[in-house]
Amino acid sequence: MRATTRRRAPTWARRSAEPVGPAFYNARLFTPLACHLPRAVMSDPDPAPADPCPQAPQPPLPSDCCNSGCPLCVHDLYNDELARYRQALAAWRLRHPEAGPGA
């Protein structure tokens, strides 16, 4: 008579004892380890402000305009962006009076 040998379960079946599911997987995947954080994040007690000063738009280069009288010229778009920037800067200065006029 031949002795019956018990087959070993496949790897995927043996690993099913681990906690599984999206919550476990995402926690492992998206939790950074301290060794993977930049030193600035680990040691900087004062991170960047949550409300930074708005940045001025870049003016278009002379070569950006085709000088054909387009209805949406790059200079018109720049002027619109500049007006939005000035409004955003005025609102930011009201929220941050300590910044002074040079900001």
PDB file of N, CA and C in Angstrom:
ATOM      1  N   MET A   1       0.810  -1.162   0.000  1.00  0.00           N
ATOM      2  CA  MET A   1       0.000   0.000   0.000  1.00  0.00           C
ATOM      3  C   MET A   1       0.866   1.242   0.000  1.00  0.00           C
ATOM      4  N   ARG A   2       0.389   2.156  -0.732  1.00  0.00           N
ATOM      5  CA  ARG A   2       1.141   3.397  -0.872  1.00  0.00           C
ATOM      6  C   ARG A   2       0.693   4.390   0.203  1.00  0.00           C
ATOM      7  N   ALA A   3       1.661   4.960   0.846  1.00  0.00           N
ATOM      8  CA  ALA A   3       1.337   5.933   1.888  1.00  0.00           C
ATOM      9  C   ALA A   3       0.898   7.241   1.233  1.00  0.00           C
ATOM     10  N   THR A   4      -0.123   7.806   1.773  1.00  0.00           N
ATOM     11  CA  THR A   4      -0.585   9.077   1.209  1.00  0.00           C
ATOM     12  C   THR A   4       0.206  10.214   1.843  1.00  0.00           C
ATOM     13  N   THR A   5       0.663  11.063   0.998  1.00  0.00           N
ATOM     14  CA  THR A   5       1.394  12.226   1.507  1.00  0.00           C
ATOM     15  C   THR A   5       0.492  13.449   1.397  1.00  0.00           C
ATOM     16  N   ARG A   6       0.608  14.230   2.372  1.00  0.00           N
ATOM     17  CA  ARG A   6      -0.214  15.433   2.387  1.00  0.00           C
ATOM     18  C   ARG A   6       0.478  16.511   1.572  1.00  0.00           C
ATOM     19  N   ARG A   7      -0.251  17.080   0.656  1.00  0.00           N
ATOM     20  CA  ARG A   7       0.319  18.134  -0.177  1.00  0.00           C
ATOM     21  C   ARG A   7       0.334  19.440   0.603  1.00  0.00           C
ATOM     22  N   ARG A   8       1.344  20.173   0.340  1.00  0.00           N
ATOM     23  CA  ARG A   8       1.471  21.473   0.979  1.00  0.00           C
ATOM     24  C   ARG A   8       0.593  22.481   0.245  1.00  0.00           C
ATOM     25  N   ALA A   9      -0.037  23.358   0.971  1.00  0.00           N
ATOM     26  CA  ALA A   9      -0.920  24.354   0.362  1.00  0.00           C
ATOM     27  C   ALA A   9      -0.089  25.339  -0.466  1.00  0.00           C
ATOM     28  N   PRO A  10      -0.673  25.868  -1.532  1.00  0.00           N
ATOM     29  CA  PRO A  10       0.060  26.843  -2.338  1.00  0.00           C
ATOM     30  C   PRO A  10       0.380  28.101  -1.528  1.00  0.00           C
ATOM     31  N   THR A  11       1.339  28.841  -2.012  1.00  0.00           N
ATOM     32  CA  THR A  11       1.814  30.022  -1.295  1.00  0.00           C
ATOM     33  C   THR A  11       0.693  31.011  -1.029  1.00  0.00           C
ATOM     34  N   TRP A  12      -0.144  31.250  -2.015  1.00  0.00           N
ATOM     35  CA  TRP A  12      -1.214  32.235  -1.825  1.00  0.00           C
ATOM     36  C   TRP A  12      -2.179  31.810  -0.728  1.00  0.00           C
ATOM     37  N   ALA A  13      -2.366  30.514  -0.559  1.00  0.00           N
ATOM     38  CA  ALA A  13      -3.272  30.027   0.482  1.00  0.00           C
ATOM     39  C   ALA A  13      -2.629  30.150   1.859  1.00  0.00           C
ATOM     40  N   ARG A  14      -1.332  29.933   1.941  1.00  0.00           N
ATOM     41  CA  ARG A  14      -0.654  30.050   3.223  1.00  0.00           C
ATOM     42  C   ARG A  14      -0.588  31.497   3.680  1.00  0.00           C
ATOM     43  N   ARG A  15      -0.484  32.407   2.758  1.00  0.00           N
ATOM     44  CA  ARG A  15      -0.380  33.816   3.124  1.00  0.00           C
ATOM     45  C   ARG A  15      -1.730  34.427   3.461  1.00  0.00           C
ATOM     46  N   SER A  16      -2.798  33.689   3.288  1.00  0.00           N
ATOM     47  CA  SER A  16      -4.116  34.249   3.565  1.00  0.00           C
ATOM     48  C   SER A  16      -4.327  34.504   5.052  1.00  0.00           C
ATOM     49  N   ALA A  17      -3.443  34.011   5.909  1.00  0.00           N
ATOM     50  CA  ALA A  17      -3.576  34.264   7.333  1.00  0.00           C
ATOM     51  C   ALA A  17      -3.196  35.705   7.674  1.00  0.00           C
ATOM     52  N   GLU A  18      -2.479  36.381   6.762  1.00  0.00           N
ATOM     53  CA  GLU A  18      -2.126  37.780   7.000  1.00  0.00           C
ATOM     54  C   GLU A  18      -3.378  38.640   6.916  1.00  0.00           C
ATOM     55  N   PRO A  19      -3.382  39.773   7.619  1.00  0.00           N
ATOM     56  CA  PRO A  19      -4.510  40.681   7.453  1.00  0.00           C
ATOM     57  C   PRO A  19      -4.516  41.215   6.027  1.00  0.00           C
ATOM     58  N   VAL A  20      -5.659  41.191   5.419  1.00  0.00           N
ATOM     59  CA  VAL A  20      -5.763  41.638   4.033  1.00  0.00           C
ATOM     60  C   VAL A  20      -6.899  42.638   3.915  1.00  0.00           C
ATOM     61  N   GLY A  21      -6.999  43.209   2.767  1.00  0.00           N
ATOM     62  CA  GLY A  21      -8.077  44.149   2.500  1.00  0.00           C
ATOM     63  C   GLY A  21      -7.522  45.507   2.144  1.00  0.00           C
ATOM     64  N   PRO A  22      -8.363  46.363   1.591  1.00  0.00           N
ATOM     65  CA  PRO A  22      -7.894  47.659   1.141  1.00  0.00           C
ATOM     66  C   PRO A  22      -7.348  48.528   2.264  1.00  0.00           C
ATOM     67  N   ALA A  23      -7.967  48.489   3.442  1.00  0.00           N
ATOM     68  CA  ALA A  23      -7.498  49.347   4.527  1.00  0.00           C
ATOM     69  C   ALA A  23      -6.089  48.951   4.954  1.00  0.00           C
ATOM     70  N   PHE A  24      -5.847  47.655   5.095  1.00  0.00           N
ATOM     71  CA  PHE A  24      -4.520  47.197   5.493  1.00  0.00           C
ATOM     72  C   PHE A  24      -3.502  47.502   4.411  1.00  0.00           C
ATOM     73  N   TYR A  25      -3.871  47.242   3.170  1.00  0.00           N
ATOM     74  CA  TYR A  25      -2.950  47.465   2.060  1.00  0.00           C
ATOM     75  C   TYR A  25      -2.610  48.948   1.936  1.00  0.00           C
ATOM     76  N   ASN A  26      -3.620  49.807   1.995  1.00  0.00           N
ATOM     77  CA  ASN A  26      -3.366  51.238   1.861  1.00  0.00           C
ATOM     78  C   ASN A  26      -2.556  51.772   3.024  1.00  0.00           C
ATOM     79  N   ALA A  27      -2.793  51.265   4.225  1.00  0.00           N
ATOM     80  CA  ALA A  27      -2.024  51.726   5.377  1.00  0.00           C
ATOM     81  C   ALA A  27      -0.558  51.374   5.204  1.00  0.00           C
ATOM     82  N   ARG A  28      -0.282  50.175   4.708  1.00  0.00           N
ATOM     83  CA  ARG A  28       1.109  49.784   4.488  1.00  0.00           C
ATOM     84  C   ARG A  28       1.723  50.556   3.342  1.00  0.00           C
ATOM     85  N   LEU A  29       0.943  50.815   2.321  1.00  0.00           N
ATOM     86  CA  LEU A  29       1.470  51.430   1.115  1.00  0.00           C
ATOM     87  C   LEU A  29       1.715  52.914   1.285  1.00  0.00           C
ATOM     88  N   PHE A  30       0.826  53.610   1.992  1.00  0.00           N
ATOM     89  CA  PHE A  30       0.898  55.059   2.031  1.00  0.00           C
ATOM     90  C   PHE A  30       1.389  55.633   3.353  1.00  0.00           C
ATOM     91  N   THR A  31       1.818  54.813   4.277  1.00  0.00           N
ATOM     92  CA  THR A  31       2.383  55.323   5.513  1.00  0.00           C
ATOM     93  C   THR A  31       3.889  55.426   5.332  1.00  0.00           C
ATOM     94  N   PRO A  32       4.428  56.660   5.261  1.00  0.00           N
ATOM     95  CA  PRO A  32       5.868  56.780   5.048  1.00  0.00           C
ATOM     96  C   PRO A  32       6.636  56.412   6.310  1.00  0.00           C
ATOM     97  N   LEU A  33       7.731  55.772   6.118  1.00  0.00           N
ATOM     98  CA  LEU A  33       8.608  55.462   7.228  1.00  0.00           C
ATOM     99  C   LEU A  33       9.474  56.679   7.502  1.00  0.00           C
ATOM    100  N   ALA A  34       9.919  56.824   8.737  1.00  0.00           N
ATOM    101  CA  ALA A  34      10.725  57.984   9.093  1.00  0.00           C
ATOM    102  C   ALA A  34      12.014  58.041   8.279  1.00  0.00           C
ATOM    103  N   CYS A  35      12.547  56.891   7.910  1.00  0.00           N
ATOM    104  CA  CYS A  35      13.793  56.884   7.151  1.00  0.00           C
ATOM    105  C   CYS A  35      13.586  57.366   5.718  1.00  0.00           C
ATOM    106  N   HIS A  36      12.331  57.391   5.235  1.00  0.00           N
ATOM    107  CA  HIS A  36      12.064  57.840   3.880  1.00  0.00           C
ATOM    108  C   HIS A  36      11.665  59.304   3.801  1.00  0.00           C
ATOM    109  N   LEU A  37      11.476  59.958   4.944  1.00  0.00           N
ATOM    110  CA  LEU A  37      11.104  61.364   4.934  1.00  0.00           C
ATOM    111  C   LEU A  37      12.341  62.223   4.733  1.00  0.00           C
ATOM    112  N   PRO A  38      12.229  63.328   4.015  1.00  0.00           N
ATOM    113  CA  PRO A  38      13.376  64.224   3.890  1.00  0.00           C
ATOM    114  C   PRO A  38      13.729  64.801   5.250  1.00  0.00           C
ATOM    115  N   ARG A  39      14.977  65.150   5.422  1.00  0.00           N
ATOM    116  CA  ARG A  39      15.417  65.686   6.705  1.00  0.00           C
ATOM    117  C   ARG A  39      14.675  66.974   7.056  1.00  0.00           C
ATOM    118  N   ALA A  40      14.343  67.774   6.061  1.00  0.00           N
ATOM    119  CA  ALA A  40      13.638  69.025   6.331  1.00  0.00           C
ATOM    120  C   ALA A  40      12.278  68.752   6.956  1.00  0.00           C
ATOM    121  N   VAL A  41      11.618  67.697   6.534  1.00  0.00           N
ATOM    122  CA  VAL A  41      10.308  67.367   7.092  1.00  0.00           C
ATOM    123  C   VAL A  41      10.459  66.868   8.514  1.00  0.00           C
ATOM    124  N   MET A  42      11.512  66.108   8.773  1.00  0.00           N
ATOM    125  CA  MET A  42      11.690  65.531  10.096  1.00  0.00           C
ATOM    126  C   MET A  42      12.167  66.569  11.103  1.00  0.00           C
ATOM    127  N   SER A  43      12.980  67.554  10.671  1.00  0.00           N
ATOM    128  CA  SER A  43      13.585  68.452  11.635  1.00  0.00           C
ATOM    129  C   SER A  43      13.026  69.862  11.597  1.00  0.00           C
ATOM    130  N   ASP A  44      12.269  70.239  10.577  1.00  0.00           N
ATOM    131  CA  ASP A  44      11.778  71.601  10.447  1.00  0.00           C
ATOM    132  C   ASP A  44      10.534  71.782  11.313  1.00  0.00           C
ATOM    133  N   PRO A  45      10.629  72.541  12.416  1.00  0.00           N
ATOM    134  CA  PRO A  45       9.456  72.712  13.261  1.00  0.00           C
ATOM    135  C   PRO A  45       8.434  73.670  12.652  1.00  0.00           C
ATOM    136  N   ASP A  46       8.855  74.544  11.733  1.00  0.00           N
ATOM    137  CA  ASP A  46       7.952  75.526  11.130  1.00  0.00           C
ATOM    138  C   ASP A  46       7.864  75.265   9.632  1.00  0.00           C
ATOM    139  N   PRO A  47       6.906  74.445   9.203  1.00  0.00           N
ATOM    140  CA  PRO A  47       6.801  74.161   7.771  1.00  0.00           C
ATOM    141  C   PRO A  47       6.336  75.395   7.004  1.00  0.00           C
ATOM    142  N   ALA A  48       6.259  75.277   5.692  1.00  0.00           N
ATOM    143  CA  ALA A  48       5.841  76.388   4.843  1.00  0.00           C
ATOM    144  C   ALA A  48       4.445  76.854   5.259  1.00  0.00           C
ATOM    145  N   PRO A  49       4.191  78.156   5.134  1.00  0.00           N
ATOM    146  CA  PRO A  49       2.874  78.653   5.545  1.00  0.00           C
ATOM    147  C   PRO A  49       1.759  78.072   4.689  1.00  0.00           C
ATOM    148  N   ALA A  50       0.591  77.945   5.291  1.00  0.00           N
ATOM    149  CA  ALA A  50      -0.546  77.370   4.577  1.00  0.00           C
ATOM    150  C   ALA A  50      -1.153  78.363   3.598  1.00  0.00           C
ATOM    151  N   ASP A  51      -0.848  79.650   3.767  1.00  0.00           N
ATOM    152  CA  ASP A  51      -1.412  80.691   2.907  1.00  0.00           C
ATOM    153  C   ASP A  51      -0.261  81.505   2.310  1.00  0.00           C
ATOM    154  N   PRO A  52       0.414  80.980   1.279  1.00  0.00           N
ATOM    155  CA  PRO A  52       1.560  81.708   0.726  1.00  0.00           C
ATOM    156  C   PRO A  52       1.109  82.919  -0.085  1.00  0.00           C
ATOM    157  N   CYS A  53       2.031  83.838  -0.255  1.00  0.00           N
ATOM    158  CA  CYS A  53       1.772  85.035  -1.058  1.00  0.00           C
ATOM    159  C   CYS A  53       1.591  84.631  -2.520  1.00  0.00           C
ATOM    160  N   PRO A  54       0.587  85.189  -3.210  1.00  0.00           N
ATOM    161  CA  PRO A  54       0.401  84.832  -4.620  1.00  0.00           C
ATOM    162  C   PRO A  54       1.585  85.284  -5.466  1.00  0.00           C
ATOM    163  N   GLN A  55       1.878  84.520  -6.484  1.00  0.00           N
ATOM    164  CA  GLN A  55       2.999  84.815  -7.375  1.00  0.00           C
ATOM    165  C   GLN A  55       2.499  85.538  -8.618  1.00  0.00           C
ATOM    166  N   ALA A  56       3.259  86.529  -9.050  1.00  0.00           N
ATOM    167  CA  ALA A  56       2.893  87.297 -10.242  1.00  0.00           C
ATOM    168  C   ALA A  56       3.013  86.418 -11.483  1.00  0.00           C
ATOM    169  N   PRO A  57       2.134  86.611 -12.458  1.00  0.00           N
ATOM    170  CA  PRO A  57       2.235  85.825 -13.693  1.00  0.00           C
ATOM    171  C   PRO A  57       3.436  86.271 -14.519  1.00  0.00           C
ATOM    172  N   GLN A  58       3.945  85.356 -15.300  1.00  0.00           N
ATOM    173  CA  GLN A  58       5.076  85.668 -16.172  1.00  0.00           C
ATOM    174  C   GLN A  58       4.570  86.395 -17.413  1.00  0.00           C
ATOM    175  N   PRO A  59       5.191  87.517 -17.784  1.00  0.00           N
ATOM    176  CA  PRO A  59       4.752  88.206 -19.005  1.00  0.00           C
ATOM    177  C   PRO A  59       5.087  87.373 -20.236  1.00  0.00           C
ATOM    178  N   PRO A  60       4.293  87.506 -21.280  1.00  0.00           N
ATOM    179  CA  PRO A  60       4.579  86.731 -22.491  1.00  0.00           C
ATOM    180  C   PRO A  60       5.836  87.249 -23.178  1.00  0.00           C
ATOM    181  N   LEU A  61       6.515  86.359 -23.843  1.00  0.00           N
ATOM    182  CA  LEU A  61       7.696  86.745 -24.619  1.00  0.00           C
ATOM    183  C   LEU A  61       7.241  87.464 -25.886  1.00  0.00           C
ATOM    184  N   PRO A  62       8.092  88.305 -26.452  1.00  0.00           N
ATOM    185  CA  PRO A  62       7.710  88.963 -27.706  1.00  0.00           C
ATOM    186  C   PRO A  62       7.381  87.966 -28.813  1.00  0.00           C
ATOM    187  N   SER A  63       8.015  86.814 -28.783  1.00  0.00           N
ATOM    188  CA  SER A  63       7.758  85.811 -29.821  1.00  0.00           C
ATOM    189  C   SER A  63       6.455  85.042 -29.587  1.00  0.00           C
ATOM    190  N   ASP A  64       5.810  85.234 -28.425  1.00  0.00           N
ATOM    191  CA  ASP A  64       4.556  84.535 -28.138  1.00  0.00           C
ATOM    192  C   ASP A  64       3.375  85.109 -28.911  1.00  0.00           C
ATOM    193  N   CYS A  65       3.458  86.380 -29.300  1.00  0.00           N
ATOM    194  CA  CYS A  65       2.356  87.032 -30.011  1.00  0.00           C
ATOM    195  C   CYS A  65       2.601  86.928 -31.514  1.00  0.00           C
ATOM    196  N   CYS A  66       1.551  86.571 -32.249  1.00  0.00           N
ATOM    197  CA  CYS A  66       1.693  86.420 -33.707  1.00  0.00           C
ATOM    198  C   CYS A  66       1.367  87.718 -34.448  1.00  0.00           C
ATOM    199  N   ASN A  67       0.886  88.759 -33.729  1.00  0.00           N
ATOM    200  CA  ASN A  67       0.564  90.072 -34.308  1.00  0.00           C
ATOM    201  C   ASN A  67      -0.445  89.992 -35.443  1.00  0.00           C
ATOM    202  N   SER A  68      -1.387  89.065 -35.345  1.00  0.00           N
ATOM    203  CA  SER A  68      -2.400  88.951 -36.391  1.00  0.00           C
ATOM    204  C   SER A  68      -3.774  89.396 -35.899  1.00  0.00           C
ATOM    205  N   GLY A  69      -3.850  89.966 -34.713  1.00  0.00           N
ATOM    206  CA  GLY A  69      -5.124  90.455 -34.194  1.00  0.00           C
ATOM    207  C   GLY A  69      -6.038  89.359 -33.694  1.00  0.00           C
ATOM    208  N   CYS A  70      -5.501  88.353 -33.070  1.00  0.00           N
ATOM    209  CA  CYS A  70      -6.300  87.240 -32.545  1.00  0.00           C
ATOM    210  C   CYS A  70      -7.324  87.756 -31.532  1.00  0.00           C
ATOM    211  N   PRO A  71      -8.499  87.142 -31.466  1.00  0.00           N
ATOM    212  CA  PRO A  71      -9.484  87.572 -30.465  1.00  0.00           C
ATOM    213  C   PRO A  71      -9.009  87.288 -29.033  1.00  0.00           C
ATOM    214  N   LEU A  72      -8.196  86.263 -28.840  1.00  0.00           N
ATOM    215  CA  LEU A  72      -7.603  85.959 -27.536  1.00  0.00           C
ATOM    216  C   LEU A  72      -6.089  86.062 -27.655  1.00  0.00           C
ATOM    217  N   CYS A  73      -5.597  87.275 -27.647  1.00  0.00           N
ATOM    218  CA  CYS A  73      -4.152  87.493 -27.762  1.00  0.00           C
ATOM    219  C   CYS A  73      -3.478  87.115 -26.438  1.00  0.00           C
ATOM    220  N   VAL A  74      -2.239  86.707 -26.504  1.00  0.00           N
ATOM    221  CA  VAL A  74      -1.512  86.346 -25.287  1.00  0.00           C
ATOM    222  C   VAL A  74      -1.370  87.554 -24.369  1.00  0.00           C
ATOM    223  N   HIS A  75      -1.323  88.752 -24.939  1.00  0.00           N
ATOM    224  CA  HIS A  75      -1.226  89.956 -24.106  1.00  0.00           C
ATOM    225  C   HIS A  75      -2.538  90.212 -23.364  1.00  0.00           C
ATOM    226  N   ASP A  76      -3.666  89.930 -24.007  1.00  0.00           N
ATOM    227  CA  ASP A  76      -4.959  90.052 -23.323  1.00  0.00           C
ATOM    228  C   ASP A  76      -5.064  89.039 -22.184  1.00  0.00           C
ATOM    229  N   LEU A  77      -4.633  87.814 -22.447  1.00  0.00           N
ATOM    230  CA  LEU A  77      -4.659  86.781 -21.409  1.00  0.00           C
ATOM    231  C   LEU A  77      -3.747  87.155 -20.247  1.00  0.00           C
ATOM    232  N   TYR A  78      -2.578  87.735 -20.574  1.00  0.00           N
ATOM    233  CA  TYR A  78      -1.650  88.161 -19.523  1.00  0.00           C
ATOM    234  C   TYR A  78      -2.274  89.277 -18.685  1.00  0.00           C
ATOM    235  N   ASN A  79      -2.933  90.232 -19.332  1.00  0.00           N
ATOM    236  CA  ASN A  79      -3.573  91.320 -18.588  1.00  0.00           C
ATOM    237  C   ASN A  79      -4.676  90.795 -17.677  1.00  0.00           C
ATOM    238  N   ASP A  80      -5.429  89.799 -18.139  1.00  0.00           N
ATOM    239  CA  ASP A  80      -6.452  89.181 -17.291  1.00  0.00           C
ATOM    240  C   ASP A  80      -5.815  88.494 -16.081  1.00  0.00           C
ATOM    241  N   GLU A  81      -4.729  87.763 -16.316  1.00  0.00           N
ATOM    242  CA  GLU A  81      -4.026  87.091 -15.218  1.00  0.00           C
ATOM    243  C   GLU A  81      -3.448  88.111 -14.248  1.00  0.00           C
ATOM    244  N   LEU A  82      -2.928  89.222 -14.781  1.00  0.00           N
ATOM    245  CA  LEU A  82      -2.347  90.262 -13.940  1.00  0.00           C
ATOM    246  C   LEU A  82      -3.421  90.907 -13.060  1.00  0.00           C
ATOM    247  N   ALA A  83      -4.610  91.122 -13.616  1.00  0.00           N
ATOM    248  CA  ALA A  83      -5.708  91.683 -12.819  1.00  0.00           C
ATOM    249  C   ALA A  83      -6.115  90.713 -11.710  1.00  0.00           C
ATOM    250  N   ARG A  84      -6.196  89.405 -12.020  1.00  0.00           N
ATOM    251  CA  ARG A  84      -6.524  88.408 -10.990  1.00  0.00           C
ATOM    252  C   ARG A  84      -5.435  88.351  -9.925  1.00  0.00           C
ATOM    253  N   TYR A  85      -4.174  88.485 -10.354  1.00  0.00           N
ATOM    254  CA  TYR A  85      -3.063  88.472  -9.402  1.00  0.00           C
ATOM    255  C   TYR A  85      -3.160  89.662  -8.451  1.00  0.00           C
ATOM    256  N   ARG A  86      -3.455  90.838  -8.989  1.00  0.00           N
ATOM    257  CA  ARG A  86      -3.551  92.031  -8.145  1.00  0.00           C
ATOM    258  C   ARG A  86      -4.691  91.901  -7.137  1.00  0.00           C
ATOM    259  N   GLN A  87      -5.807  91.330  -7.561  1.00  0.00           N
ATOM    260  CA  GLN A  87      -6.921  91.107  -6.630  1.00  0.00           C
ATOM    261  C   GLN A  87      -6.531  90.103  -5.550  1.00  0.00           C
ATOM    262  N   ALA A  88      -5.878  89.029  -5.954  1.00  0.00           N
ATOM    263  CA  ALA A  88      -5.456  88.010  -4.986  1.00  0.00           C
ATOM    264  C   ALA A  88      -4.424  88.578  -4.021  1.00  0.00           C
ATOM    265  N   LEU A  89      -3.517  89.420  -4.523  1.00  0.00           N
ATOM    266  CA  LEU A  89      -2.495  90.021  -3.670  1.00  0.00           C
ATOM    267  C   LEU A  89      -3.126  90.986  -2.673  1.00  0.00           C
ATOM    268  N   ALA A  90      -4.107  91.774  -3.125  1.00  0.00           N
ATOM    269  CA  ALA A  90      -4.790  92.695  -2.209  1.00  0.00           C
ATOM    270  C   ALA A  90      -5.513  91.917  -1.110  1.00  0.00           C
ATOM    271  N   ALA A  91      -6.175  90.827  -1.474  1.00  0.00           N
ATOM    272  CA  ALA A  91      -6.862  90.007  -0.475  1.00  0.00           C
ATOM    273  C   ALA A  91      -5.861  89.359   0.471  1.00  0.00           C
ATOM    274  N   TRP A  92      -4.721  88.917  -0.052  1.00  0.00           N
ATOM    275  CA  TRP A  92      -3.696  88.292   0.790  1.00  0.00           C
ATOM    276  C   TRP A  92      -3.126  89.306   1.771  1.00  0.00           C
ATOM    277  N   ARG A  93      -2.903  90.549   1.319  1.00  0.00           N
ATOM    278  CA  ARG A  93      -2.364  91.591   2.208  1.00  0.00           C
ATOM    279  C   ARG A  93      -3.348  91.933   3.322  1.00  0.00           C
ATOM    280  N   LEU A  94      -4.648  91.851   3.039  1.00  0.00           N
ATOM    281  CA  LEU A  94      -5.631  92.074   4.103  1.00  0.00           C
ATOM    282  C   LEU A  94      -5.563  90.966   5.148  1.00  0.00           C
ATOM    283  N   ARG A  95      -5.292  89.737   4.714  1.00  0.00           N
ATOM    284  CA  ARG A  95      -5.179  88.614   5.651  1.00  0.00           C
ATOM    285  C   ARG A  95      -3.850  88.619   6.391  1.00  0.00           C
ATOM    286  N   HIS A  96      -2.826  89.249   5.792  1.00  0.00           N
ATOM    287  CA  HIS A  96      -1.474  89.264   6.379  1.00  0.00           C
ATOM    288  C   HIS A  96      -0.960  90.694   6.456  1.00  0.00           C
ATOM    289  N   PRO A  97      -1.470  91.502   7.386  1.00  0.00           N
ATOM    290  CA  PRO A  97      -1.012  92.896   7.467  1.00  0.00           C
ATOM    291  C   PRO A  97       0.436  93.011   7.933  1.00  0.00           C
ATOM    292  N   GLU A  98       0.965  91.987   8.588  1.00  0.00           N
ATOM    293  CA  GLU A  98       2.348  92.037   9.076  1.00  0.00           C
ATOM    294  C   GLU A  98       3.366  91.885   7.954  1.00  0.00           C
ATOM    295  N   ALA A  99       2.931  91.504   6.754  1.00  0.00           N
ATOM    296  CA  ALA A  99       3.860  91.256   5.649  1.00  0.00           C
ATOM    297  C   ALA A  99       4.467  92.542   5.120  1.00  0.00           C
ATOM    298  N   GLY A 100       3.775  93.652   5.213  1.00  0.00           N
ATOM    299  CA  GLY A 100       4.300  94.928   4.746  1.00  0.00           C
ATOM    300  C   GLY A 100       4.075  95.120   3.259  1.00  0.00           C
ATOM    301  N   PRO A 101       4.431  96.295   2.748  1.00  0.00           N
ATOM    302  CA  PRO A 101       4.153  96.606   1.342  1.00  0.00           C
ATOM    303  C   PRO A 101       5.088  95.911   0.364  1.00  0.00           C
ATOM    304  N   GLY A 102       6.219  95.421   0.804  1.00  0.00           N
ATOM    305  CA  GLY A 102       7.183  94.802  -0.109  1.00  0.00           C
ATOM    306  C   GLY A 102       6.824  93.385  -0.508  1.00  0.00           C
ATOM    307  N   ALA A 103       5.857  92.802   0.148  1.00  0.00           N
ATOM    308  CA  ALA A 103       5.510  91.404  -0.135  1.00  0.00           C
ATOM    309  C   ALA A 103       4.699  91.273  -1.392  1.00  0.00           C
TER     310      ALA A 103
END
